[in-house]
Structures are given as structure tokens and as C-alpha cells.
């Protein structure tokens, strides 16, 4: 794993999957989305600056052209800046949402 310095964040972009009319997912058809799973957070992140707290494991929305792709040999990740986080995606209806 990679340790993030300062206010950086390591994320793994989530992929969409193409489905046939019958509902079968097509292998290898994924495309990148603007959502990503947070894998690691730098110690210098100013949470007041982004208006909330982000945790490892959160799914976040990113700016469209954010991030720098890096690889550790086995996996591909993206380094993003705190400013590239646009929001946290909640699965539970009881979480904070914009209405």
C-alpha cells in the first residue's frame, strides 16, 4: 500500500458495468465514473476546508478531470487533492442528503 503525505487522498475509481437487454453484465465493459472509494488519507487534511469528514471506505464524488493515476505494480490508484472531492455518496436514506 502507499502512504499519502500532506493533504492527499488515494482513491480507487468505481466502474460502471454494461448490461445486455436481458440483464446480463458484459465482462470487461466497465467505464470510469466520477465516484471513487477512499483508500487512504493524508495526515494534513483540513476537514474544515471541505465542510465535513471523509473516512477510509467512503464513496465520494470527484471533479470530472481530477486525479493522477499511479500504480504499485499490482493495483492502479488515483491521487486526488482535497479540493477535488465534491461530496460523499450515502447508501442509507437516513444519512445527510441535499433535498
Protein backbone atom coordinates (compact mmCIF):
# COMPACT_ATOMS: atom_id res chain seq x y z
CA UNK A 1 0.00 0.00 0.00
CA UNK A 2 1.04 3.61 -0.46
CA UNK A 3 1.19 6.13 2.41
CA UNK A 4 -0.26 9.51 1.46
CA UNK A 5 1.54 12.66 2.50
CA UNK A 6 0.11 16.07 3.45
CA UNK A 7 -3.44 16.66 2.21
CA UNK A 8 -3.55 13.99 -0.49
CA UNK A 9 -6.13 11.25 -0.83
CA UNK A 10 -5.75 7.88 -2.57
CA UNK A 11 -8.92 6.60 -4.22
CA UNK A 12 -9.98 3.74 -6.44
CA UNK A 13 -12.35 4.84 -9.20
CA UNK A 14 -15.55 2.85 -9.39
CA UNK A 15 -16.54 1.36 -12.72
CA UNK A 16 -19.93 1.04 -14.37
CA UNK A 17 -20.86 -2.24 -15.99
CA UNK A 18 -22.69 -2.54 -19.26
CA UNK A 19 -25.74 -4.84 -19.25
CA UNK A 20 -27.48 -6.58 -22.10
CA UNK A 21 -31.24 -6.22 -22.61
CA UNK A 22 -31.64 -9.49 -20.73
CA UNK A 23 -29.86 -8.05 -17.68
CA UNK A 24 -26.54 -9.90 -18.08
CA UNK A 25 -23.41 -7.89 -17.26
CA UNK A 26 -20.86 -7.79 -20.09
CA UNK A 27 -17.36 -8.67 -18.77
CA UNK A 28 -14.69 -6.04 -19.42
CA UNK A 29 -17.22 -3.38 -20.43
CA UNK A 30 -16.70 -1.06 -17.46
CA UNK A 31 -16.02 2.64 -17.76
CA UNK A 32 -14.77 5.03 -15.07
CA UNK A 33 -17.30 7.06 -13.14
CA UNK A 34 -16.96 10.25 -11.14
CA UNK A 35 -17.28 8.23 -7.93
CA UNK A 36 -14.44 6.56 -6.07
CA UNK A 37 -13.75 4.62 -2.88
CA UNK A 38 -11.36 6.30 -0.42
CA UNK A 39 -8.40 4.01 0.33
CA UNK A 40 -6.05 6.30 2.27
CA UNK A 41 -6.00 9.84 3.68
CA UNK A 42 -3.05 12.16 4.23
CA UNK A 43 -2.42 13.39 7.79
CA UNK A 44 -2.53 17.05 6.74
CA UNK A 45 -6.15 17.18 5.56
CA UNK A 46 -8.06 20.22 6.85
CA UNK A 47 -11.59 18.84 7.24
CA UNK A 48 -12.96 22.32 7.99
CA UNK A 49 -11.89 23.35 4.49
CA UNK A 50 -14.08 20.70 2.87
CA UNK A 51 -17.06 21.09 5.21
CA UNK A 52 -17.09 17.60 6.63
CA UNK A 53 -15.14 14.49 7.42
CA UNK A 54 -14.11 11.82 4.97
CA UNK A 55 -13.19 8.34 6.17
CA UNK A 56 -11.37 5.43 4.57
CA UNK A 57 -14.03 3.32 2.86
CA UNK A 58 -16.32 6.25 1.99
CA UNK A 59 -17.56 6.56 -1.58
CA UNK A 60 -17.04 10.11 -2.80
CA UNK A 61 -17.91 12.16 -5.88
CA UNK A 62 -14.91 13.71 -7.65
CA UNK A 63 -14.36 16.53 -10.10
CA UNK A 64 -14.54 15.21 -13.65
CA UNK A 65 -10.86 15.53 -14.57
CA UNK A 66 -9.30 15.11 -11.14
CA UNK A 67 -6.59 12.79 -10.01
CA UNK A 68 -3.22 11.47 -11.07
CA UNK A 69 -3.14 7.76 -11.89
CA UNK A 70 -0.42 5.73 -10.15
CA UNK A 71 0.33 2.03 -9.78
CA UNK A 72 2.08 -0.04 -7.13
CA UNK A 73 2.76 -2.82 -9.63
CA UNK A 74 -0.39 -4.78 -8.87
CA UNK A 75 -3.14 -2.20 -8.48
CA UNK A 76 -3.97 1.15 -10.05
CA UNK A 77 -4.97 4.08 -7.84
CA UNK A 78 -5.51 7.80 -8.18
CA UNK A 79 -4.07 10.56 -6.05
CA UNK A 80 -6.56 13.39 -5.65
CA UNK A 81 -6.47 16.66 -3.75
CA UNK A 82 -9.00 17.53 -1.06
CA UNK A 83 -10.37 20.24 -3.36
CA UNK A 84 -11.35 17.55 -5.92
CA UNK A 85 -13.86 15.94 -3.52
CA UNK A 86 -17.37 17.22 -4.34
CA UNK A 87 -19.41 15.11 -1.92
CA UNK A 88 -19.89 11.84 -0.09
CA UNK A 89 -22.25 9.25 -1.57
CA UNK A 90 -24.59 7.73 1.05
CA UNK A 91 -26.42 4.45 0.54
CA UNK A 92 -28.64 4.84 3.60
CA UNK A 93 -31.66 7.17 3.31
CA UNK A 94 -31.11 8.33 6.91
CA UNK A 95 -27.73 9.89 6.13
CA UNK A 96 -27.22 13.56 5.32
CA UNK A 97 -28.57 14.47 1.90
CA UNK A 98 -29.48 17.55 -0.07
CA UNK A 99 -33.21 17.91 -0.64
